[in-house]
């Protein structure tokens, strides 16, 4: 049966398209950080990977799948991925366990078809990664920022926007920066906005400048759904400002959380558009960036004594507020003073990227021979911390790097042996899941959440790393990484049990995830609810033959 399907696909698509059914190739795509196959014992069935070289091939494949949807010997479904680096949420694996799934790999579609330097609008395809866009901007001397994420340089810009991802650069909401989408509905019909259809000019540029289009807003149906495949997206890029300063507010007492939350909210409200997104990291999360796990891959959490020892060694405070200020030199100078004045209201240490506390040690280490820095422990540790600081600053300036990916290796038995510039959690066999609930930005709610996570995770030998990212002054997303040893079956079982308890118990407290992994989409979403019945009605109209991304944000 599979052979018939493959030969039909090969006859339909051009020679430039790569079609593979080799088991060793398929296994690469089935790698993931989630341990799903160990969890349920069911192998996802990919019969082939189709890697298209031209976007027009997508329509041909969709038409073929619809044409053969009623022929059992030729029926197949399609599951598209952009780069397949959706670590912790499914990586490149299909959402459901179905027969005859063809994985559609769009990573070769790397065309940046248009960039308007004056307006900062860029049009790109699904395979364009953070690094590729960064290289394009740098090579052409365009002073704009890439909408980076902690997922790293090799992740798709388009896919992150469709998952409603966010970052710490000025345009925090990545889908909010999307102005136009082109693609194909599941039934093979092309999609572009009503404005694009009405525009009779040669350039058809109006479509790229106005997000909401004309008539019902259909672009939103491309996000967190299985209705269509996006082949092209236009996004607004934030322009690099003349001046930039990052700030680090270090708080030594956990009890001061209730005091710092209103100050963060005040900063975001008073300096919206000047101060970017603000992160709040707890001590354990900070240690995961700088310290080596003393337990290696073992399922043992840090004891309070170990946390205290590592925190003293790494000078890691109880809580760290991380933010950035963008603008003209005069504006940044004034706002830095204002931010300093705001946080002076509570006991804390305030560090800025332009202060002597940062610039002087960097200068001293830069003039000391490298071999000597490596031999002297305190210098080596300081150099590593300053390097991480610089990498964090790069992220705030829209320059992609792998600094945040180190987290995925916390329980990897060979964590230190990997090249830090080329980390790939799935290829390196890391265990990683995410719990990403929304929390009202009030100190009471955030404290309740902190206690909840710190009580739940240790029951399953999961380190309770906590990060809060302020999407706006009223809403916080907390990303809780569930890091485990992927080679340990009990660790995999514990990790999923931990995530399940966090989700189920969290819902009762009002902590609702804004994003789900492919396993959660199957057991958490209720197809009988009003919302998902409506989604299923839309699915039936747009994909009548049920051939696209089965199970993706669509309970069956």
Protein backbone atom coordinates (compact mmCIF):
# COMPACT_ATOMS: atom_id res chain seq x y z
CA UNK A 1 0.00 0.00 0.00
CA UNK A 2 2.76 2.45 0.96
CA UNK A 3 4.63 1.68 -2.27
CA UNK A 4 1.56 2.66 -4.33
CA UNK A 5 1.21 5.94 -2.46
CA UNK A 6 4.88 6.78 -2.85
CA UNK A 7 4.98 6.02 -6.56
CA UNK A 8 1.89 8.21 -7.07
CA UNK A 9 3.48 11.09 -5.17
CA UNK A 10 6.72 10.71 -7.12
CA UNK A 11 4.83 10.85 -10.42
CA UNK A 12 2.99 14.00 -9.35
CA UNK A 13 5.78 16.11 -7.89
CA UNK A 14 8.84 17.53 -9.63
CA UNK A 15 12.32 16.02 -9.60
CA UNK A 16 13.52 18.82 -7.33
CA UNK A 17 11.38 17.47 -4.48
CA UNK A 18 13.07 14.95 -2.18
CA UNK A 19 10.89 11.98 -1.28
CA UNK A 20 12.25 9.46 1.19
CA UNK A 21 10.85 6.34 2.84
CA UNK A 22 14.19 5.14 4.15
CA UNK A 23 13.75 3.99 7.74
CA UNK A 24 16.94 5.69 8.95
CA UNK A 25 15.70 9.01 7.55
CA UNK A 26 12.20 8.59 9.00
CA UNK A 27 13.68 7.82 12.43
CA UNK A 28 15.46 11.19 12.44
CA UNK A 29 12.09 12.94 12.05
CA UNK A 30 10.59 10.74 14.76
CA UNK A 31 13.22 11.82 17.27
CA UNK A 32 11.86 14.12 19.93
CA UNK A 33 12.63 15.44 23.37
CA UNK A 34 9.26 14.33 24.73
CA UNK A 35 9.65 10.53 25.03
CA UNK A 36 6.15 9.96 23.63
CA UNK A 37 6.87 6.51 22.18
CA UNK A 38 8.11 5.33 25.57
CA UNK A 39 5.02 6.79 27.22
CA UNK A 40 2.30 5.00 25.25
CA UNK A 41 4.30 2.34 23.44
CA UNK A 42 2.70 3.38 20.15
CA UNK A 43 4.91 4.23 17.20
CA UNK A 44 3.84 7.10 15.01
CA UNK A 45 3.58 5.83 11.47
CA UNK A 46 5.29 8.01 8.87
CA UNK A 47 5.39 6.28 5.51
CA UNK A 48 7.46 8.99 3.84
CA UNK A 49 8.97 12.44 4.13
CA UNK A 50 8.38 14.84 1.26
CA UNK A 51 10.80 17.76 1.25
CA UNK A 52 9.53 20.28 -1.29
CA UNK A 53 11.80 22.72 -3.08
CA UNK A 54 9.00 24.97 -4.37
CA UNK A 55 5.87 26.19 -2.61
CA UNK A 56 3.71 25.31 -5.61
CA UNK A 57 4.43 21.62 -4.93
CA UNK A 58 2.37 21.92 -1.74
CA UNK A 59 -0.84 22.48 -3.67
CA UNK A 60 -0.11 19.46 -5.89
CA UNK A 61 0.37 17.26 -2.84
CA UNK A 62 -2.82 18.55 -1.19
CA UNK A 63 -4.79 17.96 -4.38
CA UNK A 64 -3.44 14.43 -4.63
CA UNK A 65 -4.33 13.62 -1.00
CA UNK A 66 -7.88 14.91 -1.54
CA UNK A 67 -8.20 13.05 -4.83
CA UNK A 68 -7.29 9.70 -3.22
CA UNK A 69 -9.06 10.25 0.12
CA UNK A 70 -11.82 7.75 -0.75
CA UNK A 71 -9.50 5.08 -2.14
CA UNK A 72 -8.26 2.90 0.75
CA UNK A 73 -5.22 1.68 -1.16
CA UNK A 74 -4.02 5.23 -1.89
CA UNK A 75 -5.39 7.29 1.00
CA UNK A 76 -2.80 9.27 2.95
CA UNK A 77 -2.74 12.31 5.24
CA UNK A 78 -0.27 15.18 5.34
CA UNK A 79 1.51 16.63 8.37
CA UNK A 80 3.56 19.78 7.59
CA UNK A 81 6.54 20.99 9.60
CA UNK A 82 8.69 24.06 9.03
CA UNK A 83 12.07 23.09 10.50
CA UNK A 84 10.83 20.44 12.94
CA UNK A 85 12.59 22.04 15.91
CA UNK A 86 9.49 22.39 18.06
CA UNK A 87 11.37 21.03 21.09
CA UNK A 88 9.27 20.03 24.06
CA UNK A 89 5.97 20.33 22.20
CA UNK A 90 6.36 17.48 19.71
CA UNK A 91 9.55 18.32 17.79
CA UNK A 92 8.83 17.06 14.22
CA UNK A 93 6.46 14.22 15.14
CA UNK A 94 2.85 14.14 13.86
CA UNK A 95 0.17 14.94 16.41
CA UNK A 96 -1.87 11.76 16.04
CA UNK A 97 -1.18 8.08 15.51
CA UNK A 98 -2.67 7.37 12.09
CA UNK A 99 -1.82 5.16 9.16
CA UNK A 100 -0.10 6.46 6.05
CA UNK A 101 1.10 9.85 7.29
CA UNK A 102 3.25 11.78 4.85
CA UNK A 103 5.44 14.29 6.67
CA UNK A 104 5.73 17.47 4.60
CA UNK A 105 9.10 19.09 5.32
CA UNK A 106 9.12 22.80 4.39
CA UNK A 107 12.64 23.54 5.63
CA UNK A 108 13.99 23.94 2.07
CA UNK A 109 11.63 26.88 1.45
CA UNK A 110 14.08 29.55 2.58
CA UNK A 111 13.28 32.42 0.24
CA UNK A 112 13.17 35.94 1.66
CA UNK A 113 11.20 37.38 -1.21
CA UNK A 114 10.80 40.97 -0.14
CA UNK A 115 12.21 43.41 2.37
CA UNK A 116 11.24 47.05 2.65
CA UNK A 117 14.04 48.82 4.49
CA UNK A 118 11.99 51.96 5.03
CA UNK A 119 9.01 50.19 6.60
CA UNK A 120 10.77 47.20 8.14
CA UNK A 121 8.48 44.66 6.47
CA UNK A 122 9.97 41.31 5.47
CA UNK A 123 8.28 38.50 3.53
CA UNK A 124 9.64 35.02 4.06
CA UNK A 125 8.91 31.31 3.65
CA UNK A 126 8.46 28.59 6.32
CA UNK A 127 12.06 27.36 6.22
CA UNK A 128 13.64 30.73 7.03
CA UNK A 129 15.28 30.38 10.43
CA UNK A 130 16.23 32.99 12.99
CA UNK A 131 19.86 32.68 11.91
CA UNK A 132 19.09 32.96 8.20
CA UNK A 133 17.08 36.15 8.71
CA UNK A 134 19.83 37.50 10.96
CA UNK A 135 22.45 36.78 8.28
CA UNK A 136 20.27 38.42 5.62
CA UNK A 137 19.82 41.59 7.66
CA UNK A 138 23.51 41.78 8.56
CA UNK A 139 24.79 41.13 5.02
CA UNK A 140 22.52 43.83 3.63
CA UNK A 141 23.23 46.31 6.45
CA UNK A 142 19.59 46.49 7.55
CA UNK A 143 19.31 47.85 11.11
CA UNK A 144 16.45 45.67 12.26
CA UNK A 145 15.99 42.98 14.92
CA UNK A 146 15.10 39.33 14.34
CA UNK A 147 12.09 38.22 16.45
CA UNK A 148 14.25 35.75 18.35
CA UNK A 149 13.22 33.11 20.90
CA UNK A 150 15.13 30.94 23.33
CA UNK A 151 14.62 27.97 21.00
CA UNK A 152 17.72 29.00 19.09
CA UNK A 153 19.08 29.97 15.67
CA UNK A 154 17.78 26.96 13.73
CA UNK A 155 14.08 27.49 14.43
CA UNK A 156 11.54 28.80 11.93
CA UNK A 157 10.37 32.41 12.14
CA UNK A 158 7.03 31.60 10.49
CA UNK A 159 6.28 28.52 12.61
CA UNK A 160 6.89 30.35 15.87
CA UNK A 161 4.45 33.07 14.84
CA UNK A 162 1.83 30.46 13.91
CA UNK A 163 2.24 28.90 17.35
CA UNK A 164 1.64 32.40 18.80
CA UNK A 165 5.12 32.47 20.26
CA UNK A 166 6.71 35.48 21.86
CA UNK A 167 10.12 36.89 22.70
CA UNK A 168 11.90 39.61 24.64
CA UNK A 169 12.58 42.06 21.78
CA UNK A 170 10.26 45.11 21.38
CA UNK A 171 7.64 43.25 19.29
CA UNK A 172 7.02 40.69 22.02
CA UNK A 173 3.94 39.07 20.45
CA UNK A 174 5.26 37.44 17.28
CA UNK A 175 1.90 36.77 15.65
CA UNK A 176 0.92 40.31 16.54
CA UNK A 177 3.72 41.44 14.20
CA UNK A 178 2.38 39.35 11.29
CA UNK A 179 0.74 41.55 8.66
CA UNK A 180 0.01 39.05 5.89
CA UNK A 181 -0.20 35.30 5.24
CA UNK A 182 -0.39 33.41 1.96
CA UNK A 183 -0.92 29.68 1.72
CA UNK A 184 -3.28 26.85 0.87
CA UNK A 185 -6.36 25.59 2.64
CA UNK A 186 -6.52 21.83 3.26
CA UNK A 187 -8.78 21.34 0.22
CA UNK A 188 -6.07 22.84 -2.02
CA UNK A 189 -7.56 26.30 -2.54
CA UNK A 190 -5.03 29.16 -2.40
CA UNK A 191 -5.40 31.76 0.32
CA UNK A 192 -4.55 35.43 0.34
CA UNK A 193 -6.45 38.31 1.87
CA UNK A 194 -9.38 40.16 0.32
CA UNK A 195 -7.16 43.25 0.10
CA UNK A 196 -4.66 41.30 -1.98
CA UNK A 197 -7.45 40.08 -4.27
CA UNK A 198 -8.79 43.62 -4.76
CA UNK A 199 -5.39 45.24 -5.28
CA UNK A 200 -4.87 45.74 -9.03
CA UNK A 201 -1.38 47.22 -8.78
CA UNK A 202 1.73 45.37 -9.92
CA UNK A 203 3.29 45.24 -6.46
CA UNK A 204 0.18 44.27 -4.47
CA UNK A 205 1.84 45.83 -1.45
CA UNK A 206 -1.19 47.06 0.53
CA UNK A 207 -1.78 43.48 1.74
CA UNK A 208 1.62 43.51 3.47
CA UNK A 209 0.99 46.70 5.44
CA UNK A 210 -2.38 46.13 7.09
CA UNK A 211 -2.78 43.15 9.40
CA UNK A 212 -6.59 42.99 9.62
CA UNK A 213 -7.41 42.98 5.92
CA UNK A 214 -11.03 43.30 4.80
CA UNK A 215 -13.99 41.20 5.90
CA UNK A 216 -13.70 38.28 8.38
CA UNK A 217 -10.16 37.86 9.69
CA UNK A 218 -9.18 34.47 8.24
CA UNK A 219 -5.42 34.74 8.78
CA UNK A 220 -5.98 33.75 12.40
CA UNK A 221 -7.25 30.33 11.26
CA UNK A 222 -3.66 29.50 10.28
CA UNK A 223 -2.51 29.67 13.92
CA UNK A 224 -2.65 26.68 16.29
CA UNK A 225 -4.86 24.80 13.84
CA UNK A 226 -4.94 22.15 11.13
CA UNK A 227 -6.93 24.06 8.51
CA UNK A 228 -4.19 25.22 6.15
CA UNK A 229 -0.51 25.41 5.25
CA UNK A 230 1.18 28.81 5.26
CA UNK A 231 3.66 29.24 2.43
CA UNK A 232 4.57 32.88 2.94
CA UNK A 233 4.34 35.42 5.73
CA UNK A 234 5.04 39.14 6.03
CA UNK A 235 6.12 40.41 9.44
CA UNK A 236 7.04 43.76 10.93
CA UNK A 237 10.55 43.94 12.32
CA UNK A 238 11.54 46.24 15.16
CA UNK A 239 14.23 48.71 14.20
CA UNK A 240 17.49 48.79 16.15
CA UNK A 241 17.52 51.89 18.33
CA UNK A 242 20.47 54.28 18.75
CA UNK A 243 20.83 53.23 22.39
CA UNK A 244 20.13 50.12 24.45
CA UNK A 245 20.61 49.16 28.10
CA UNK A 246 19.63 45.93 29.82
CA UNK A 247 18.93 45.83 33.53
CA UNK A 248 19.21 43.12 36.17
CA UNK A 249 17.44 43.62 39.48
CA UNK A 250 18.76 41.09 42.00
CA UNK A 251 16.58 40.22 45.00
CA UNK A 252 18.02 38.15 47.83
CA UNK A 253 14.83 37.49 49.81
CA UNK A 254 12.06 35.27 48.42
CA UNK A 255 9.52 37.12 50.59
CA UNK A 256 10.10 40.29 48.55
CA UNK A 257 8.29 38.84 45.53
CA UNK A 258 5.08 40.57 46.63
CA UNK A 259 6.94 43.89 46.51
CA UNK A 260 8.70 43.43 43.18
CA UNK A 261 5.65 42.36 41.11
CA UNK A 262 3.88 45.78 41.38
CA UNK A 263 7.15 47.50 40.45
CA UNK A 264 7.50 45.37 37.31
CA UNK A 265 3.89 46.16 36.41
CA UNK A 266 4.50 49.90 36.98
CA UNK A 267 7.62 49.81 34.76
CA UNK A 268 5.72 48.11 31.93
CA UNK A 269 2.78 50.51 32.18
CA UNK A 270 4.78 53.71 32.51
CA UNK A 271 7.35 52.92 29.83
CA UNK A 272 5.40 50.84 27.33
CA UNK A 273 7.21 50.86 23.99
CA UNK A 274 10.51 51.84 25.61
CA UNK A 275 10.98 48.98 28.07
CA UNK A 276 10.66 45.61 26.32
CA UNK A 277 9.30 42.44 27.88
CA UNK A 278 10.52 41.75 31.43
CA UNK A 279 11.53 38.31 32.70
CA UNK A 280 11.51 37.21 36.33
CA UNK A 281 13.69 34.15 37.05
CA UNK A 282 13.98 32.21 40.27
CA UNK A 283 17.29 31.04 41.75
CA UNK A 284 17.17 27.46 40.46
CA UNK A 285 16.38 28.65 36.93
CA UNK A 286 19.35 31.01 37.04
CA UNK A 287 21.63 28.23 38.30
CA UNK A 288 20.60 26.06 35.35
CA UNK A 289 22.23 28.67 33.10
CA UNK A 290 25.54 28.90 34.97
CA UNK A 291 26.07 25.88 37.22
CA UNK A 292 26.82 22.26 36.45
CA UNK A 293 24.25 19.77 37.72
CA UNK A 294 26.03 17.87 40.55
CA UNK A 295 23.70 14.89 40.04
CA UNK A 296 24.29 14.52 36.28
CA UNK A 297 21.49 12.52 34.67
CA UNK A 298 20.23 11.09 37.96
CA UNK A 299 16.65 11.82 38.94
CA UNK A 300 17.63 13.79 42.03
CA UNK A 301 16.72 17.42 42.66
CA UNK A 302 19.09 19.90 44.21
CA UNK A 303 18.77 19.94 47.98
CA UNK A 304 18.33 23.28 49.74
CA UNK A 305 21.95 23.00 50.91
CA UNK A 306 23.15 22.41 47.35
CA UNK A 307 21.11 25.34 46.06
CA UNK A 308 22.59 27.55 48.76
CA UNK A 309 26.14 26.37 47.97
CA UNK A 310 25.80 26.81 44.19
CA UNK A 311 24.04 30.16 44.60
CA UNK A 312 26.89 31.48 46.74
CA UNK A 313 29.46 30.19 44.28
CA UNK A 314 27.64 31.62 41.24
CA UNK A 315 26.39 34.76 43.04
CA UNK A 316 22.85 33.84 42.04
CA UNK A 317 20.15 35.80 43.93
CA UNK A 318 16.78 34.45 44.99
CA UNK A 319 14.99 36.31 42.17
CA UNK A 320 16.34 38.17 39.14
CA UNK A 321 14.37 40.72 37.11
CA UNK A 322 15.70 41.01 33.56
CA UNK A 323 14.59 43.75 31.20
CA UNK A 324 15.74 46.06 28.43
CA UNK A 325 15.40 49.72 27.49
CA UNK A 326 15.37 50.84 23.83
CA UNK A 327 15.42 54.35 22.38
CA UNK A 328 17.53 57.40 21.67
CA UNK A 329 20.53 58.03 23.94
CA UNK A 330 18.64 60.73 25.82
CA UNK A 331 15.51 58.61 26.29
CA UNK A 332 17.46 55.53 27.42
CA UNK A 333 19.46 57.60 29.91
CA UNK A 334 16.33 59.10 31.46
CA UNK A 335 14.37 55.83 31.54
CA UNK A 336 17.33 54.03 33.10
CA UNK A 337 17.25 56.61 35.90
CA UNK A 338 13.49 56.17 36.21
CA UNK A 339 13.76 52.36 36.38
CA UNK A 340 16.47 52.71 38.99
CA UNK A 341 14.23 55.04 40.99
CA UNK A 342 11.30 52.59 40.81
CA UNK A 343 13.27 49.61 42.12
CA UNK A 344 14.99 51.65 44.81
CA UNK A 345 11.72 51.34 46.69
CA UNK A 346 12.75 47.85 47.84
CA UNK A 347 15.98 46.16 49.00
CA UNK A 348 17.73 44.95 45.85
CA UNK A 349 20.91 45.20 43.82
CA UNK A 350 20.51 47.02 40.51
CA UNK A 351 22.94 46.19 37.71
CA UNK A 352 22.97 47.73 34.23
CA UNK A 353 24.78 46.56 31.11
CA UNK A 354 26.59 49.92 30.84
CA UNK A 355 27.77 49.93 34.47
CA UNK A 356 31.36 49.41 35.64
CA UNK A 357 30.24 46.21 37.36
CA UNK A 358 29.91 44.70 33.89
CA UNK A 359 32.21 46.66 31.63
CA UNK A 360 35.31 46.62 33.87
CA UNK A 361 35.49 42.83 34.47
CA UNK A 362 34.92 42.25 30.75
CA UNK A 363 37.80 44.56 29.90
CA UNK A 364 40.12 42.91 32.45
CA UNK A 365 39.33 39.38 31.28
CA UNK A 366 39.78 40.39 27.64
CA UNK A 367 43.43 41.37 28.26
CA UNK A 368 44.33 38.25 30.27
CA UNK A 369 45.60 35.30 28.18
CA UNK A 370 42.89 32.67 27.61
CA UNK A 371 44.99 29.83 28.98
CA UNK A 372 45.39 31.70 32.25
CA UNK A 373 41.67 32.47 32.49
CA UNK A 374 40.89 28.76 32.11
CA UNK A 375 43.39 27.77 34.82
CA UNK A 376 42.18 30.21 37.47
CA UNK A 377 38.78 29.00 38.70
CA UNK A 378 37.36 32.37 39.72
CA UNK A 379 38.38 33.96 36.41
CA UNK A 380 37.01 31.03 34.43
CA UNK A 381 33.65 31.24 36.21
CA UNK A 382 33.50 35.02 35.75
CA UNK A 383 34.34 34.67 32.05
CA UNK A 384 31.57 32.11 31.59
CA UNK A 385 29.04 34.30 33.38
CA UNK A 386 30.01 37.34 31.33
CA UNK A 387 29.75 35.26 28.16
CA UNK A 388 26.21 34.20 29.14
CA UNK A 389 25.44 37.83 29.95
CA UNK A 390 26.61 38.89 26.48
CA UNK A 391 24.55 36.13 24.86
CA UNK A 392 21.50 37.30 26.80
CA UNK A 393 22.14 40.84 25.61
CA UNK A 394 22.36 39.58 22.02
CA UNK A 395 18.91 37.99 22.37
CA UNK A 396 17.50 41.33 23.55
CA UNK A 397 19.00 42.95 20.46
CA UNK A 398 17.45 40.36 18.14
CA UNK A 399 20.59 38.28 17.54
CA UNK A 400 19.86 34.53 17.78
CA UNK A 401 22.07 32.19 19.83
CA UNK A 402 21.87 28.99 21.87
CA UNK A 403 22.32 30.42 25.38
CA UNK A 404 18.84 29.35 26.53
CA UNK A 405 19.16 25.85 25.05
CA UNK A 406 21.66 24.85 27.72
CA UNK A 407 18.67 24.27 29.97
CA UNK A 408 17.62 21.18 27.97
CA UNK A 409 20.93 19.50 28.89
CA UNK A 410 20.54 19.84 32.68
CA UNK A 411 20.05 16.08 33.09
CA UNK A 412 22.10 14.91 30.13
CA UNK A 413 24.99 12.64 31.15
CA UNK A 414 27.28 14.27 28.55
CA UNK A 415 26.08 17.86 28.90
CA UNK A 416 29.57 19.37 28.91
CA UNK A 417 30.73 17.56 25.76
CA UNK A 418 28.41 19.27 23.26
CA UNK A 419 29.37 22.25 21.12
CA UNK A 420 27.51 25.18 22.70
CA UNK A 421 27.16 26.88 19.33
CA UNK A 422 25.42 23.90 17.69
CA UNK A 423 23.03 22.53 20.30
CA UNK A 424 20.07 20.45 19.10
CA UNK A 425 18.09 18.91 21.98
CA UNK A 426 16.34 16.29 19.84
CA UNK A 427 19.47 15.12 18.01
CA UNK A 428 21.40 15.13 21.30
CA UNK A 429 18.74 12.97 22.99
CA UNK A 430 17.65 15.48 25.66
CA UNK A 431 14.44 15.04 27.64
CA UNK A 432 12.30 18.18 27.67
CA UNK A 433 8.63 19.08 28.09
CA UNK A 434 7.00 22.45 28.80
CA UNK A 435 4.25 23.68 31.09
CA UNK A 436 3.31 27.16 29.87
CA UNK A 437 0.28 28.58 31.70
CA UNK A 438 -1.06 32.13 31.71
CA UNK A 439 -1.20 33.89 35.07
CA UNK A 440 -2.85 37.18 36.01
CA UNK A 441 -0.12 39.64 36.89
CA UNK A 442 -0.95 40.06 40.54
CA UNK A 443 1.45 39.13 43.31
CA UNK A 444 -1.11 36.92 45.04
CA UNK A 445 -1.71 34.83 41.90
CA UNK A 446 1.99 34.55 41.14
CA UNK A 447 2.84 33.47 44.69
CA UNK A 448 0.12 30.83 44.56
CA UNK A 449 1.59 29.57 41.29
CA UNK A 450 5.14 29.47 42.67
CA UNK A 451 4.04 27.44 45.69
CA UNK A 452 2.05 25.13 43.42
CA UNK A 453 5.02 24.40 41.14
CA UNK A 454 7.47 24.01 44.03
CA UNK A 455 5.15 21.52 45.73
CA UNK A 456 4.27 19.52 42.60
CA UNK A 457 7.52 19.09 40.66
CA UNK A 458 9.64 17.51 43.45
CA UNK A 459 7.04 14.74 43.87
CA UNK A 460 8.19 13.48 40.46
CA UNK A 461 11.90 14.29 40.89
CA UNK A 462 11.58 17.25 38.53
CA UNK A 463 13.60 20.38 39.31
CA UNK A 464 11.15 23.30 39.80
CA UNK A 465 12.70 25.88 37.45
CA UNK A 466 10.47 28.98 37.26
CA UNK A 467 10.47 31.82 34.74
CA UNK A 468 7.80 34.50 34.37
CA UNK A 469 7.64 36.45 31.12
CA UNK A 470 5.50 39.56 31.16
CA UNK A 471 3.57 39.62 27.90
CA UNK A 472 1.99 42.88 29.01
CA UNK A 473 1.45 44.63 32.35
CA UNK A 474 -1.65 42.51 33.01
CA UNK A 475 -0.68 39.04 31.78
CA UNK A 476 2.24 36.77 32.58
CA UNK A 477 3.24 33.51 30.96
CA UNK A 478 5.28 31.15 33.07
CA UNK A 479 7.45 28.66 31.23
CA UNK A 480 8.21 25.66 33.43
CA UNK A 481 10.73 23.34 31.75
CA UNK A 482 10.35 19.69 32.71
CA UNK A 483 13.87 18.37 32.14
CA UNK A 484 14.56 14.65 32.45
CA UNK A 485 16.78 11.78 31.32
CA UNK A 486 15.28 10.56 28.05
CA UNK A 487 17.14 7.25 28.36
CA UNK A 488 15.48 6.41 31.69
CA UNK A 489 11.96 4.94 31.23
CA UNK A 490 10.96 5.79 34.79
CA UNK A 491 12.17 9.37 34.32
CA UNK A 492 10.05 9.67 31.17
CA UNK A 493 7.01 8.34 33.01
CA UNK A 494 7.61 10.71 35.93
CA UNK A 495 8.04 13.71 33.62
CA UNK A 496 4.71 13.14 31.90
CA UNK A 497 2.95 12.44 35.19
CA UNK A 498 4.35 15.70 36.56
CA UNK A 499 3.16 17.67 33.55
CA UNK A 500 -0.28 16.07 33.72
CA UNK A 501 -0.72 16.96 37.40
CA UNK A 502 0.49 20.51 36.79
CA UNK A 503 -2.04 20.95 33.99
CA UNK A 504 -5.04 19.29 35.65
CA UNK A 505 -4.52 20.78 39.12
CA UNK A 506 -3.47 24.13 37.59
CA UNK A 507 -6.72 24.46 35.65
CA UNK A 508 -8.64 24.38 38.92
CA UNK A 509 -6.54 27.31 40.11
CA UNK A 510 -7.02 29.30 36.90
CA UNK A 511 -3.58 28.53 35.43
CA UNK A 512 -4.47 27.73 31.81
CA UNK A 513 -1.78 26.81 29.23
CA UNK A 514 -1.59 29.02 26.16
CA UNK A 515 0.12 26.25 24.24
CA UNK A 516 -0.01 22.42 24.36
CA UNK A 517 2.24 19.62 23.18
CA UNK A 518 0.93 17.06 20.70
CA UNK A 519 0.10 14.53 23.44
CA UNK A 520 -1.84 17.03 25.56
CA UNK A 521 -3.87 18.05 22.51
CA UNK A 522 -5.27 14.51 22.43
CA UNK A 523 -6.33 14.01 26.05
CA UNK A 524 -7.02 17.51 27.35
CA UNK A 525 -9.21 19.04 24.64
CA UNK A 526 -12.87 18.02 24.73
CA UNK A 527 -14.38 17.59 21.28
CA UNK A 528 -17.89 17.87 22.78
CA UNK A 529 -17.31 21.39 24.17
CA UNK A 530 -18.91 24.34 22.40
CA UNK A 531 -15.59 25.75 21.29
CA UNK A 532 -14.19 22.54 19.81
CA UNK A 533 -17.51 21.62 18.17
CA UNK A 534 -17.25 24.92 16.31
CA UNK A 535 -13.64 24.12 15.40
CA UNK A 536 -14.74 20.72 14.07
CA UNK A 537 -17.44 22.36 11.96
CA UNK A 538 -14.84 24.66 10.44
CA UNK A 539 -12.52 21.70 9.89
CA UNK A 540 -15.26 19.78 8.07
CA UNK A 541 -15.91 22.73 5.76
CA UNK A 542 -12.27 23.55 5.03
CA UNK A 543 -10.90 19.99 5.06
CA UNK A 544 -13.89 17.81 4.05
CA UNK A 545 -11.68 14.80 3.37
CA UNK A 546 -9.80 15.06 6.68
CA UNK A 547 -6.31 14.93 5.18
CA UNK A 548 -4.34 17.66 6.96
CA UNK A 549 -2.52 17.49 10.32
CA UNK A 550 -4.94 15.11 12.02
CA UNK A 551 -5.17 15.75 15.75
CA UNK A 552 -3.35 19.06 15.72
CA UNK A 553 -5.36 21.36 18.03
CA UNK A 554 -8.38 19.38 16.88
CA UNK A 555 -9.60 16.65 19.27
CA UNK A 556 -10.82 13.55 17.45
